[in-house]
Amino acid sequence: MENLIIYPTNQSQLVEIKSFLRKMKVKYDVAVSEELQDWQIQMINEGLNDIAAGKVLSADEVHKKAEALCEK
Protein backbone atom coordinates (compact mmCIF):
# COMPACT_ATOMS: atom_id res chain seq x y z
CA MET A 1 0.00 0.00 0.00
CA GLU A 2 1.23 3.48 -0.78
CA ASN A 3 1.51 6.39 1.65
CA LEU A 4 0.60 9.92 0.67
CA ILE A 5 2.20 13.17 1.72
CA ILE A 6 -0.21 16.06 1.28
CA TYR A 7 0.77 19.73 1.26
CA PRO A 8 -2.26 21.93 1.90
CA THR A 9 -1.65 25.55 1.00
CA ASN A 10 -3.94 27.08 3.61
CA GLN A 11 -5.82 26.34 6.83
CA SER A 12 -9.12 25.79 5.02
CA GLN A 13 -7.64 23.02 2.88
CA LEU A 14 -6.08 21.40 5.93
CA VAL A 15 -9.41 21.35 7.79
CA GLU A 16 -11.24 19.90 4.77
CA ILE A 17 -8.63 17.21 4.19
CA LYS A 18 -8.65 16.13 7.83
CA SER A 19 -12.43 16.05 7.83
CA PHE A 20 -12.48 13.91 4.69
CA LEU A 21 -9.92 11.49 6.11
CA ARG A 22 -11.90 11.11 9.33
CA LYS A 23 -15.12 10.44 7.38
CA MET A 24 -13.33 7.83 5.28
CA LYS A 25 -11.80 6.34 8.46
CA VAL A 26 -8.32 6.75 6.99
CA LYS A 27 -5.54 6.77 9.55
CA TYR A 28 -3.20 9.75 9.27
CA ASP A 29 -0.30 11.26 11.17
CA VAL A 30 0.43 14.92 11.73
CA ALA A 31 4.01 16.11 11.34
CA VAL A 32 4.60 19.65 12.55
CA SER A 33 7.31 21.44 10.64
CA GLU A 34 9.60 23.37 12.92
CA GLU A 35 11.22 26.65 12.11
CA LEU A 36 14.99 26.69 12.03
CA GLN A 37 16.68 27.95 15.16
CA ASP A 38 19.04 30.93 15.02
CA TRP A 39 22.17 28.78 15.33
CA GLN A 40 21.00 26.61 12.42
CA ILE A 41 20.38 29.65 10.23
CA GLN A 42 23.82 31.00 11.17
CA MET A 43 25.54 27.73 10.20
CA ILE A 44 23.70 27.62 6.88
CA ASN A 45 24.67 31.22 6.13
CA GLU A 46 28.31 30.51 7.03
CA GLY A 47 28.31 27.55 4.66
CA LEU A 48 26.81 29.62 1.86
CA ASN A 49 29.39 32.35 2.48
CA ASP A 50 32.19 29.74 2.31
CA ILE A 51 30.83 28.50 -1.01
CA ALA A 52 30.63 32.05 -2.37
CA ALA A 53 34.24 32.64 -1.26
CA GLY A 54 35.41 29.46 -3.00
CA LYS A 55 36.20 27.64 0.24
CA VAL A 56 34.99 24.27 -1.03
CA LEU A 57 36.66 20.95 -1.74
CA SER A 58 35.71 18.36 -4.32
CA ALA A 59 34.83 14.85 -3.17
CA ASP A 60 38.19 13.66 -4.55
CA GLU A 61 40.07 16.26 -2.52
CA VAL A 62 38.25 15.25 0.64
CA HIS A 63 38.98 11.58 -0.06
CA LYS A 64 42.70 12.27 -0.58
CA LYS A 65 42.90 14.28 2.67
CA ALA A 66 41.13 11.47 4.55
CA GLU A 67 43.52 8.89 3.14
CA ALA A 68 46.49 11.05 4.13
CA LEU A 69 45.19 11.26 7.70
CA CYS A 70 44.73 7.48 7.85
CA GLU A 71 48.31 6.88 6.70
CA LYS A 72 49.79 8.77 9.65
PDB file of N, CA and C in Angstrom:
ATOM      1  N   MET A   1       0.847  -1.174   0.000  1.00  0.00           N
ATOM      2  CA  MET A   1       0.000   0.000   0.000  1.00  0.00           C
ATOM      3  C   MET A   1       0.893   1.238   0.000  1.00  0.00           C
ATOM      4  N   GLU A   2       0.477   2.239  -0.702  1.00  0.00           N
ATOM      5  CA  GLU A   2       1.234   3.484  -0.784  1.00  0.00           C
ATOM      6  C   GLU A   2       0.847   4.431   0.352  1.00  0.00           C
ATOM      7  N   ASN A   3       1.768   5.302   0.714  1.00  0.00           N
ATOM      8  CA  ASN A   3       1.506   6.386   1.648  1.00  0.00           C
ATOM      9  C   ASN A   3       1.483   7.686   0.869  1.00  0.00           C
ATOM     10  N   LEU A   4       0.700   8.620   1.325  1.00  0.00           N
ATOM     11  CA  LEU A   4       0.604   9.916   0.675  1.00  0.00           C
ATOM     12  C   LEU A   4       1.147  11.006   1.584  1.00  0.00           C
ATOM     13  N   ILE A   5       1.805  11.957   0.997  1.00  0.00           N
ATOM     14  CA  ILE A   5       2.201  13.167   1.717  1.00  0.00           C
ATOM     15  C   ILE A   5       1.442  14.303   1.044  1.00  0.00           C
ATOM     16  N   ILE A   6       0.655  15.018   1.817  1.00  0.00           N
ATOM     17  CA  ILE A   6      -0.208  16.060   1.279  1.00  0.00           C
ATOM     18  C   ILE A   6       0.261  17.407   1.795  1.00  0.00           C
ATOM     19  N   TYR A   7       0.301  18.402   0.908  1.00  0.00           N
ATOM     20  CA  TYR A   7       0.771  19.734   1.262  1.00  0.00           C
ATOM     21  C   TYR A   7      -0.347  20.757   1.063  1.00  0.00           C
ATOM     22  N   PRO A   8      -1.227  20.911   2.042  1.00  0.00           N
ATOM     23  CA  PRO A   8      -2.262  21.930   1.901  1.00  0.00           C
ATOM     24  C   PRO A   8      -1.614  23.319   1.884  1.00  0.00           C
ATOM     25  N   THR A   9      -2.238  24.208   1.131  1.00  0.00           N
ATOM     26  CA  THR A   9      -1.647  25.547   1.005  1.00  0.00           C
ATOM     27  C   THR A   9      -2.269  26.567   1.947  1.00  0.00           C
ATOM     28  N   ASN A  10      -3.342  26.161   2.639  1.00  0.00           N
ATOM     29  CA  ASN A  10      -3.936  27.080   3.608  1.00  0.00           C
ATOM     30  C   ASN A  10      -4.705  26.289   4.665  1.00  0.00           C
ATOM     31  N   GLN A  11      -5.142  26.978   5.703  1.00  0.00           N
ATOM     32  CA  GLN A  11      -5.818  26.335   6.826  1.00  0.00           C
ATOM     33  C   GLN A  11      -7.136  25.692   6.400  1.00  0.00           C
ATOM     34  N   SER A  12      -7.839  26.317   5.497  1.00  0.00           N
ATOM     35  CA  SER A  12      -9.117  25.790   5.022  1.00  0.00           C
ATOM     36  C   SER A  12      -8.935  24.425   4.361  1.00  0.00           C
ATOM     37  N   GLN A  13      -7.928  24.308   3.520  1.00  0.00           N
ATOM     38  CA  GLN A  13      -7.641  23.024   2.880  1.00  0.00           C
ATOM     39  C   GLN A  13      -7.299  21.963   3.915  1.00  0.00           C
ATOM     40  N   LEU A  14      -6.493  22.342   4.888  1.00  0.00           N
ATOM     41  CA  LEU A  14      -6.084  21.401   5.933  1.00  0.00           C
ATOM     42  C   LEU A  14      -7.300  20.869   6.682  1.00  0.00           C
ATOM     43  N   VAL A  15      -8.208  21.757   7.063  1.00  0.00           N
ATOM     44  CA  VAL A  15      -9.414  21.354   7.786  1.00  0.00           C
ATOM     45  C   VAL A  15     -10.253  20.410   6.933  1.00  0.00           C
ATOM     46  N   GLU A  16     -10.432  20.735   5.663  1.00  0.00           N
ATOM     47  CA  GLU A  16     -11.239  19.900   4.774  1.00  0.00           C
ATOM     48  C   GLU A  16     -10.605  18.526   4.565  1.00  0.00           C
ATOM     49  N   ILE A  17      -9.326  18.490   4.395  1.00  0.00           N
ATOM     50  CA  ILE A  17      -8.625  17.214   4.187  1.00  0.00           C
ATOM     51  C   ILE A  17      -8.750  16.331   5.424  1.00  0.00           C
ATOM     52  N   LYS A  18      -8.522  16.908   6.596  1.00  0.00           N
ATOM     53  CA  LYS A  18      -8.646  16.126   7.830  1.00  0.00           C
ATOM     54  C   LYS A  18     -10.067  15.612   8.014  1.00  0.00           C
ATOM     55  N   SER A  19     -11.033  16.455   7.720  1.00  0.00           N
ATOM     56  CA  SER A  19     -12.433  16.053   7.835  1.00  0.00           C
ATOM     57  C   SER A  19     -12.734  14.882   6.894  1.00  0.00           C
ATOM     58  N   PHE A  20     -12.276  14.982   5.668  1.00  0.00           N
ATOM     59  CA  PHE A  20     -12.478  13.913   4.689  1.00  0.00           C
ATOM     60  C   PHE A  20     -11.839  12.605   5.160  1.00  0.00           C
ATOM     61  N   LEU A  21     -10.616  12.695   5.660  1.00  0.00           N
ATOM     62  CA  LEU A  21      -9.919  11.488   6.113  1.00  0.00           C
ATOM     63  C   LEU A  21     -10.638  10.844   7.292  1.00  0.00           C
ATOM     64  N   ARG A  22     -11.144  11.662   8.201  1.00  0.00           N
ATOM     65  CA  ARG A  22     -11.896  11.109   9.333  1.00  0.00           C
ATOM     66  C   ARG A  22     -13.168  10.412   8.846  1.00  0.00           C
ATOM     67  N   LYS A  23     -13.890  11.043   7.916  1.00  0.00           N
ATOM     68  CA  LYS A  23     -15.116  10.445   7.383  1.00  0.00           C
ATOM     69  C   LYS A  23     -14.828   9.128   6.680  1.00  0.00           C
ATOM     70  N   MET A  24     -13.706   9.048   5.991  1.00  0.00           N
ATOM     71  CA  MET A  24     -13.327   7.827   5.275  1.00  0.00           C
ATOM     72  C   MET A  24     -12.660   6.808   6.195  1.00  0.00           C
ATOM     73  N   LYS A  25     -12.464   7.181   7.468  1.00  0.00           N
ATOM     74  CA  LYS A  25     -11.795   6.341   8.459  1.00  0.00           C
ATOM     75  C   LYS A  25     -10.396   5.937   7.998  1.00  0.00           C
ATOM     76  N   VAL A  26      -9.699   6.931   7.430  1.00  0.00           N
ATOM     77  CA  VAL A  26      -8.317   6.749   6.987  1.00  0.00           C
ATOM     78  C   VAL A  26      -7.401   7.253   8.092  1.00  0.00           C
ATOM     79  N   LYS A  27      -6.504   6.393   8.516  1.00  0.00           N
ATOM     80  CA  LYS A  27      -5.544   6.773   9.553  1.00  0.00           C
ATOM     81  C   LYS A  27      -4.551   7.769   8.958  1.00  0.00           C
ATOM     82  N   TYR A  28      -4.215   8.792   9.724  1.00  0.00           N
ATOM     83  CA  TYR A  28      -3.204   9.745   9.266  1.00  0.00           C
ATOM     84  C   TYR A  28      -2.385  10.238  10.450  1.00  0.00           C
ATOM     85  N   ASP A  29      -1.193  10.677  10.167  1.00  0.00           N
ATOM     86  CA  ASP A  29      -0.298  11.256  11.167  1.00  0.00           C
ATOM     87  C   ASP A  29      -0.119  12.724  10.853  1.00  0.00           C
ATOM     88  N   VAL A  30       0.165  13.490  11.888  1.00  0.00           N
ATOM     89  CA  VAL A  30       0.427  14.917  11.728  1.00  0.00           C
ATOM     90  C   VAL A  30       1.891  15.161  12.060  1.00  0.00           C
ATOM     91  N   ALA A  31       2.606  15.747  11.117  1.00  0.00           N
ATOM     92  CA  ALA A  31       4.007  16.108  11.344  1.00  0.00           C
ATOM     93  C   ALA A  31       4.087  17.635  11.335  1.00  0.00           C
ATOM     94  N   VAL A  32       4.508  18.196  12.441  1.00  0.00           N
ATOM     95  CA  VAL A  32       4.600  19.646  12.546  1.00  0.00           C
ATOM     96  C   VAL A  32       5.980  20.071  12.077  1.00  0.00           C
ATOM     97  N   SER A  33       6.017  20.946  11.098  1.00  0.00           N
ATOM     98  CA  SER A  33       7.313  21.440  10.638  1.00  0.00           C
ATOM     99  C   SER A  33       7.786  22.525  11.596  1.00  0.00           C
ATOM    100  N   GLU A  34       9.033  22.424  11.966  1.00  0.00           N
ATOM    101  CA  GLU A  34       9.599  23.373  12.918  1.00  0.00           C
ATOM    102  C   GLU A  34      10.415  24.414  12.172  1.00  0.00           C
ATOM    103  N   GLU A  35      10.388  25.611  12.690  1.00  0.00           N
ATOM    104  CA  GLU A  35      11.223  26.654  12.112  1.00  0.00           C
ATOM    105  C   GLU A  35      12.669  26.413  12.545  1.00  0.00           C
ATOM    106  N   LEU A  36      13.583  26.835  11.697  1.00  0.00           N
ATOM    107  CA  LEU A  36      14.991  26.695  12.031  1.00  0.00           C
ATOM    108  C   LEU A  36      15.335  27.617  13.197  1.00  0.00           C
ATOM    109  N   GLN A  37      16.216  27.127  14.050  1.00  0.00           N
ATOM    110  CA  GLN A  37      16.680  27.951  15.156  1.00  0.00           C
ATOM    111  C   GLN A  37      17.777  28.874  14.655  1.00  0.00           C
ATOM    112  N   ASP A  38      18.050  29.920  15.423  1.00  0.00           N
ATOM    113  CA  ASP A  38      19.036  30.926  15.018  1.00  0.00           C
ATOM    114  C   ASP A  38      20.396  30.313  14.713  1.00  0.00           C
ATOM    115  N   TRP A  39      20.844  29.366  15.547  1.00  0.00           N
ATOM    116  CA  TRP A  39      22.167  28.775  15.326  1.00  0.00           C
ATOM    117  C   TRP A  39      22.191  27.970  14.027  1.00  0.00           C
ATOM    118  N   GLN A  40      21.060  27.369  13.659  1.00  0.00           N
ATOM    119  CA  GLN A  40      20.998  26.615  12.415  1.00  0.00           C
ATOM    120  C   GLN A  40      21.064  27.557  11.206  1.00  0.00           C
ATOM    121  N   ILE A  41      20.350  28.650  11.299  1.00  0.00           N
ATOM    122  CA  ILE A  41      20.381  29.652  10.227  1.00  0.00           C
ATOM    123  C   ILE A  41      21.787  30.215  10.078  1.00  0.00           C
ATOM    124  N   GLN A  42      22.450  30.472  11.206  1.00  0.00           N
ATOM    125  CA  GLN A  42      23.817  31.000  11.174  1.00  0.00           C
ATOM    126  C   GLN A  42      24.764  30.012  10.492  1.00  0.00           C
ATOM    127  N   MET A  43      24.658  28.728  10.810  1.00  0.00           N
ATOM    128  CA  MET A  43      25.540  27.729  10.204  1.00  0.00           C
ATOM    129  C   MET A  43      25.285  27.608   8.699  1.00  0.00           C
ATOM    130  N   ILE A  44      24.021  27.674   8.308  1.00  0.00           N
ATOM    131  CA  ILE A  44      23.698  27.615   6.882  1.00  0.00           C
ATOM    132  C   ILE A  44      24.296  28.819   6.164  1.00  0.00           C
ATOM    133  N   ASN A  45      24.127  29.996   6.743  1.00  0.00           N
ATOM    134  CA  ASN A  45      24.672  31.215   6.127  1.00  0.00           C
ATOM    135  C   ASN A  45      26.192  31.174   6.042  1.00  0.00           C
ATOM    136  N   GLU A  46      26.847  30.642   7.073  1.00  0.00           N
ATOM    137  CA  GLU A  46      28.306  30.507   7.033  1.00  0.00           C
ATOM    138  C   GLU A  46      28.724  29.572   5.907  1.00  0.00           C
ATOM    139  N   GLY A  47      27.998  28.485   5.743  1.00  0.00           N
ATOM    140  CA  GLY A  47      28.309  27.545   4.663  1.00  0.00           C
ATOM    141  C   GLY A  47      28.122  28.180   3.291  1.00  0.00           C
ATOM    142  N   LEU A  48      27.045  28.943   3.130  1.00  0.00           N
ATOM    143  CA  LEU A  48      26.808  29.623   1.860  1.00  0.00           C
ATOM    144  C   LEU A  48      27.885  30.670   1.588  1.00  0.00           C
ATOM    145  N   ASN A  49      28.315  31.370   2.634  1.00  0.00           N
ATOM    146  CA  ASN A  49      29.393  32.348   2.476  1.00  0.00           C
ATOM    147  C   ASN A  49      30.703  31.662   2.084  1.00  0.00           C
ATOM    148  N   ASP A  50      30.987  30.507   2.676  1.00  0.00           N
ATOM    149  CA  ASP A  50      32.188  29.740   2.314  1.00  0.00           C
ATOM    150  C   ASP A  50      32.140  29.331   0.842  1.00  0.00           C
ATOM    151  N   ILE A  51      30.975  28.892   0.401  1.00  0.00           N
ATOM    152  CA  ILE A  51      30.827  28.498  -1.005  1.00  0.00           C
ATOM    153  C   ILE A  51      31.069  29.696  -1.909  1.00  0.00           C
ATOM    154  N   ALA A  52      30.468  30.837  -1.558  1.00  0.00           N
ATOM    155  CA  ALA A  52      30.633  32.049  -2.367  1.00  0.00           C
ATOM    156  C   ALA A  52      32.090  32.499  -2.411  1.00  0.00           C
ATOM    157  N   ALA A  53      32.834  32.250  -1.327  1.00  0.00           N
ATOM    158  CA  ALA A  53      34.236  32.640  -1.258  1.00  0.00           C
ATOM    159  C   ALA A  53      35.158  31.591  -1.876  1.00  0.00           C
ATOM    160  N   GLY A  54      34.595  30.499  -2.371  1.00  0.00           N
ATOM    161  CA  GLY A  54      35.408  29.461  -3.002  1.00  0.00           C
ATOM    162  C   GLY A  54      36.069  28.519  -2.022  1.00  0.00           C
ATOM    163  N   LYS A  55      35.617  28.521  -0.780  1.00  0.00           N
ATOM    164  CA  LYS A  55      36.197  27.642   0.238  1.00  0.00           C
ATOM    165  C   LYS A  55      35.486  26.288   0.222  1.00  0.00           C
ATOM    166  N   VAL A  56      35.615  25.592  -0.892  1.00  0.00           N
ATOM    167  CA  VAL A  56      34.991  24.275  -1.030  1.00  0.00           C
ATOM    168  C   VAL A  56      36.013  23.280  -1.551  1.00  0.00           C
ATOM    169  N   LEU A  57      35.799  22.018  -1.262  1.00  0.00           N
ATOM    170  CA  LEU A  57      36.661  20.946  -1.745  1.00  0.00           C
ATOM    171  C   LEU A  57      35.815  19.971  -2.546  1.00  0.00           C
ATOM    172  N   SER A  58      36.417  19.400  -3.564  1.00  0.00           N
ATOM    173  CA  SER A  58      35.710  18.363  -4.320  1.00  0.00           C
ATOM    174  C   SER A  58      35.720  17.079  -3.490  1.00  0.00           C
ATOM    175  N   ALA A  59      34.876  16.143  -3.870  1.00  0.00           N
ATOM    176  CA  ALA A  59      34.831  14.854  -3.173  1.00  0.00           C
ATOM    177  C   ALA A  59      36.183  14.154  -3.256  1.00  0.00           C
ATOM    178  N   ASP A  60      36.872  14.272  -4.396  1.00  0.00           N
ATOM    179  CA  ASP A  60      38.189  13.659  -4.551  1.00  0.00           C
ATOM    180  C   ASP A  60      39.208  14.269  -3.588  1.00  0.00           C
ATOM    181  N   GLU A  61      39.146  15.595  -3.443  1.00  0.00           N
ATOM    182  CA  GLU A  61      40.074  16.262  -2.521  1.00  0.00           C
ATOM    183  C   GLU A  61      39.831  15.820  -1.081  1.00  0.00           C
ATOM    184  N   VAL A  62      38.584  15.698  -0.706  1.00  0.00           N
ATOM    185  CA  VAL A  62      38.251  15.247   0.644  1.00  0.00           C
ATOM    186  C   VAL A  62      38.738  13.820   0.849  1.00  0.00           C
ATOM    187  N   HIS A  63      38.546  12.974  -0.145  1.00  0.00           N
ATOM    188  CA  HIS A  63      38.978  11.581  -0.059  1.00  0.00           C
ATOM    189  C   HIS A  63      40.500  11.498   0.110  1.00  0.00           C
ATOM    190  N   LYS A  64      41.243  12.280  -0.674  1.00  0.00           N
ATOM    191  CA  LYS A  64      42.705  12.273  -0.576  1.00  0.00           C
ATOM    192  C   LYS A  64      43.166  12.744   0.795  1.00  0.00           C
ATOM    193  N   LYS A  65      42.523  13.783   1.335  1.00  0.00           N
ATOM    194  CA  LYS A  65      42.901  14.276   2.665  1.00  0.00           C
ATOM    195  C   LYS A  65      42.605  13.221   3.733  1.00  0.00           C
ATOM    196  N   ALA A  66      41.475  12.526   3.592  1.00  0.00           N
ATOM    197  CA  ALA A  66      41.126  11.474   4.555  1.00  0.00           C
ATOM    198  C   ALA A  66      42.132  10.330   4.487  1.00  0.00           C
ATOM    199  N   GLU A  67      42.522   9.955   3.283  1.00  0.00           N
ATOM    200  CA  GLU A  67      43.521   8.889   3.138  1.00  0.00           C
ATOM    201  C   GLU A  67      44.847   9.295   3.765  1.00  0.00           C
ATOM    202  N   ALA A  68      45.248  10.553   3.554  1.00  0.00           N
ATOM    203  CA  ALA A  68      46.492  11.046   4.132  1.00  0.00           C
ATOM    204  C   ALA A  68      46.451  10.995   5.660  1.00  0.00           C
ATOM    205  N   LEU A  69      45.327  11.300   6.241  1.00  0.00           N
ATOM    206  CA  LEU A  69      45.195  11.255   7.705  1.00  0.00           C
ATOM    207  C   LEU A  69      45.263   9.819   8.211  1.00  0.00           C
ATOM    208  N   CYS A  70      44.723   8.895   7.453  1.00  0.00           N
ATOM    209  CA  CYS A  70      44.732   7.484   7.855  1.00  0.00           C
ATOM    210  C   CYS A  70      46.128   6.863   7.756  1.00  0.00           C
ATOM    211  N   GLU A  71      46.959   7.415   6.881  1.00  0.00           N
ATOM    212  CA  GLU A  71      48.309   6.877   6.700  1.00  0.00           C
ATOM    213  C   GLU A  71      49.239   7.283   7.835  1.00  0.00           C
ATOM    214  N   LYS A  72      48.895   8.282   8.568  1.00  0.00           N
ATOM    215  CA  LYS A  72      49.789   8.773   9.652  1.00  0.00           C
ATOM    216  C   LYS A  72      49.828   7.845  10.801  1.00  0.00           C
TER     217      LYS A  72
END
